[in-house]
Amino acid sequence: MEVAKIKRNYQLTIPRSIRKKMKLAVGDHVEIDVEGNQVIIKPLKLIHADQEYFYTKEWQDKEAEADKDIEKGDLLGPFENANDALKALKKAEL
């Protein structure tokens, strides 16, 4: 168990061993709650609303599929222009 002291302005420093264990960094957010006579501090990862799609299971599955295709070399291009890319897509077996 680590011990910390509440300092001026009621600030509390999270001990290094706990920061490391919880992978906390400067600028991270935490959720603070009270359960009985305990203060509970939980790491909170905020995702900007316009980036939420990226963290969905469906999107991550497609990202993994794309990574596998790239690894196998199963891709089209590069292309000199958009017309060449469209022609290749029309001919490709999708």
C-alpha atoms as a PDB file:
ATOM      1  CA  MET A   1       0.000   0.000   0.000  1.00  0.00           C
ATOM      2  CA  GLU A   2       1.240   3.474  -0.898  1.00  0.00           C
ATOM      3  CA  VAL A   3       0.749   6.543   1.290  1.00  0.00           C
ATOM      4  CA  ALA A   4       0.264  10.042  -0.117  1.00  0.00           C
ATOM      5  CA  LYS A   5      -0.277  13.423   1.511  1.00  0.00           C
ATOM      6  CA  ILE A   6      -2.957  15.941   0.590  1.00  0.00           C
ATOM      7  CA  LYS A   7      -1.165  19.184  -0.200  1.00  0.00           C
ATOM      8  CA  ARG A   8      -2.125  22.815  -0.622  1.00  0.00           C
ATOM      9  CA  ASN A   9      -5.343  23.311  -2.618  1.00  0.00           C
ATOM     10  CA  TYR A  10      -6.249  19.690  -1.717  1.00  0.00           C
ATOM     11  CA  GLN A  11      -3.979  18.292  -4.406  1.00  0.00           C
ATOM     12  CA  LEU A  12      -2.828  14.700  -4.197  1.00  0.00           C
ATOM     13  CA  THR A  13       0.142  13.186  -6.035  1.00  0.00           C
ATOM     14  CA  ILE A  14      -0.387   9.624  -7.243  1.00  0.00           C
ATOM     15  CA  PRO A  15       2.722   7.602  -6.328  1.00  0.00           C
ATOM     16  CA  ARG A  16       4.978   6.595  -9.240  1.00  0.00           C
ATOM     17  CA  SER A  17       4.464   2.831  -8.740  1.00  0.00           C
ATOM     18  CA  ILE A  18       0.692   3.250  -9.051  1.00  0.00           C
ATOM     19  CA  ARG A  19       0.979   5.631 -12.036  1.00  0.00           C
ATOM     20  CA  LYS A  20       3.166   3.039 -13.766  1.00  0.00           C
ATOM     21  CA  LYS A  21       0.876   0.154 -12.909  1.00  0.00           C
ATOM     22  CA  MET A  22      -2.205   2.058 -14.117  1.00  0.00           C
ATOM     23  CA  LYS A  23      -0.359   3.553 -17.129  1.00  0.00           C
ATOM     24  CA  LEU A  24      -1.298   7.098 -16.134  1.00  0.00           C
ATOM     25  CA  ALA A  25       0.384  10.061 -17.782  1.00  0.00           C
ATOM     26  CA  VAL A  26       0.256  13.831 -17.485  1.00  0.00           C
ATOM     27  CA  GLY A  27      -2.996  15.053 -19.011  1.00  0.00           C
ATOM     28  CA  ASP A  28      -4.925  11.811 -18.456  1.00  0.00           C
ATOM     29  CA  HIS A  29      -8.338  12.048 -16.856  1.00  0.00           C
ATOM     30  CA  VAL A  30      -9.548  10.094 -13.833  1.00  0.00           C
ATOM     31  CA  GLU A  31     -12.993   9.465 -12.432  1.00  0.00           C
ATOM     32  CA  ILE A  32     -13.303  10.071  -8.702  1.00  0.00           C
ATOM     33  CA  ASP A  33     -16.104   8.573  -6.627  1.00  0.00           C
ATOM     34  CA  VAL A  34     -16.893   7.736  -3.000  1.00  0.00           C
ATOM     35  CA  GLU A  35     -17.927   4.257  -1.866  1.00  0.00           C
ATOM     36  CA  GLY A  36     -18.643   4.134   1.856  1.00  0.00           C
ATOM     37  CA  ASN A  37     -15.612   5.713   3.490  1.00  0.00           C
ATOM     38  CA  GLN A  38     -13.286   5.137   0.502  1.00  0.00           C
ATOM     39  CA  VAL A  39     -12.302   7.464  -2.332  1.00  0.00           C
ATOM     40  CA  ILE A  40     -12.115   5.517  -5.588  1.00  0.00           C
ATOM     41  CA  ILE A  41      -9.947   6.867  -8.430  1.00  0.00           C
ATOM     42  CA  LYS A  42     -10.343   5.168 -11.821  1.00  0.00           C
ATOM     43  CA  PRO A  43      -8.455   5.938 -15.041  1.00  0.00           C
ATOM     44  CA  LEU A  44     -10.767   7.403 -17.652  1.00  0.00           C
ATOM     45  CA  LYS A  45      -9.916   7.413 -21.339  1.00  0.00           C
ATOM     46  CA  LEU A  46     -11.790  10.125 -23.212  1.00  0.00           C
ATOM     47  CA  ILE A  47     -12.490   9.749 -26.905  1.00  0.00           C
ATOM     48  CA  HIS A  48     -13.530  12.748 -28.954  1.00  0.00           C
ATOM     49  CA  ALA A  49     -17.046  12.287 -30.371  1.00  0.00           C
ATOM     50  CA  ASP A  50     -15.890  12.457 -34.002  1.00  0.00           C
ATOM     51  CA  GLN A  51     -13.419   9.596 -33.381  1.00  0.00           C
ATOM     52  CA  GLU A  52     -15.732   7.170 -31.546  1.00  0.00           C
ATOM     53  CA  TYR A  53     -16.361   5.119 -34.704  1.00  0.00           C
ATOM     54  CA  PHE A  54     -12.699   4.094 -34.805  1.00  0.00           C
ATOM     55  CA  TYR A  55     -12.981   2.251 -31.481  1.00  0.00           C
ATOM     56  CA  THR A  56     -16.040   0.168 -32.380  1.00  0.00           C
ATOM     57  CA  LYS A  57     -15.553  -3.587 -32.715  1.00  0.00           C
ATOM     58  CA  GLU A  58     -16.756  -3.491 -36.324  1.00  0.00           C
ATOM     59  CA  TRP A  59     -14.198  -0.836 -37.310  1.00  0.00           C
ATOM     60  CA  GLN A  60     -11.357  -2.578 -35.486  1.00  0.00           C
ATOM     61  CA  ASP A  61     -12.241  -5.893 -37.179  1.00  0.00           C
ATOM     62  CA  LYS A  62     -12.074  -4.191 -40.601  1.00  0.00           C
ATOM     63  CA  GLU A  63      -8.762  -2.543 -39.669  1.00  0.00           C
ATOM     64  CA  ALA A  64      -7.347  -5.977 -38.769  1.00  0.00           C
ATOM     65  CA  GLU A  65      -8.642  -7.398 -42.068  1.00  0.00           C
ATOM     66  CA  ALA A  66      -7.009  -4.544 -44.005  1.00  0.00           C
ATOM     67  CA  ASP A  67      -3.711  -5.084 -42.165  1.00  0.00           C
ATOM     68  CA  LYS A  68      -3.758  -8.761 -43.160  1.00  0.00           C
ATOM     69  CA  ASP A  69      -4.462  -7.871 -46.805  1.00  0.00           C
ATOM     70  CA  ILE A  70      -1.593  -5.370 -46.823  1.00  0.00           C
ATOM     71  CA  GLU A  71       0.723  -7.947 -45.231  1.00  0.00           C
ATOM     72  CA  LYS A  72      -0.191 -10.484 -47.951  1.00  0.00           C
ATOM     73  CA  GLY A  73       0.212  -7.853 -50.680  1.00  0.00           C
ATOM     74  CA  ASP A  74      -3.445  -8.268 -51.627  1.00  0.00           C
ATOM     75  CA  LEU A  75      -4.132  -4.702 -52.739  1.00  0.00           C
ATOM     76  CA  LEU A  76      -4.488  -2.460 -55.763  1.00  0.00           C
ATOM     77  CA  GLY A  77      -2.359   0.534 -56.665  1.00  0.00           C
ATOM     78  CA  PRO A  78      -0.685   2.874 -56.283  1.00  0.00           C
ATOM     79  CA  PHE A  79      -2.370   4.894 -59.007  1.00  0.00           C
ATOM     80  CA  GLU A  80      -1.351   8.027 -60.874  1.00  0.00           C
ATOM     81  CA  ASN A  81      -4.861   9.461 -60.716  1.00  0.00           C
ATOM     82  CA  ALA A  82      -8.434   8.811 -59.589  1.00  0.00           C
ATOM     83  CA  ASN A  83      -9.581   7.589 -63.021  1.00  0.00           C
ATOM     84  CA  ASP A  84      -6.977   4.807 -63.041  1.00  0.00           C
ATOM     85  CA  ALA A  85      -8.055   3.819 -59.529  1.00  0.00           C
ATOM     86  CA  LEU A  86     -11.732   3.670 -60.554  1.00  0.00           C
ATOM     87  CA  LYS A  87     -10.915   1.546 -63.613  1.00  0.00           C
ATOM     88  CA  ALA A  88      -8.942  -0.906 -61.453  1.00  0.00           C
ATOM     89  CA  LEU A  89     -11.781  -1.131 -58.938  1.00  0.00           C
ATOM     90  CA  LYS A  90     -14.310  -1.889 -61.673  1.00  0.00           C
ATOM     91  CA  LYS A  91     -12.115  -4.723 -62.979  1.00  0.00           C
ATOM     92  CA  ALA A  92     -11.240  -6.122 -59.554  1.00  0.00           C
ATOM     93  CA  GLU A  93     -13.034  -9.118 -58.099  1.00  0.00           C
ATOM     94  CA  LEU A  94     -14.364  -7.800 -54.826  1.00  0.00           C
END
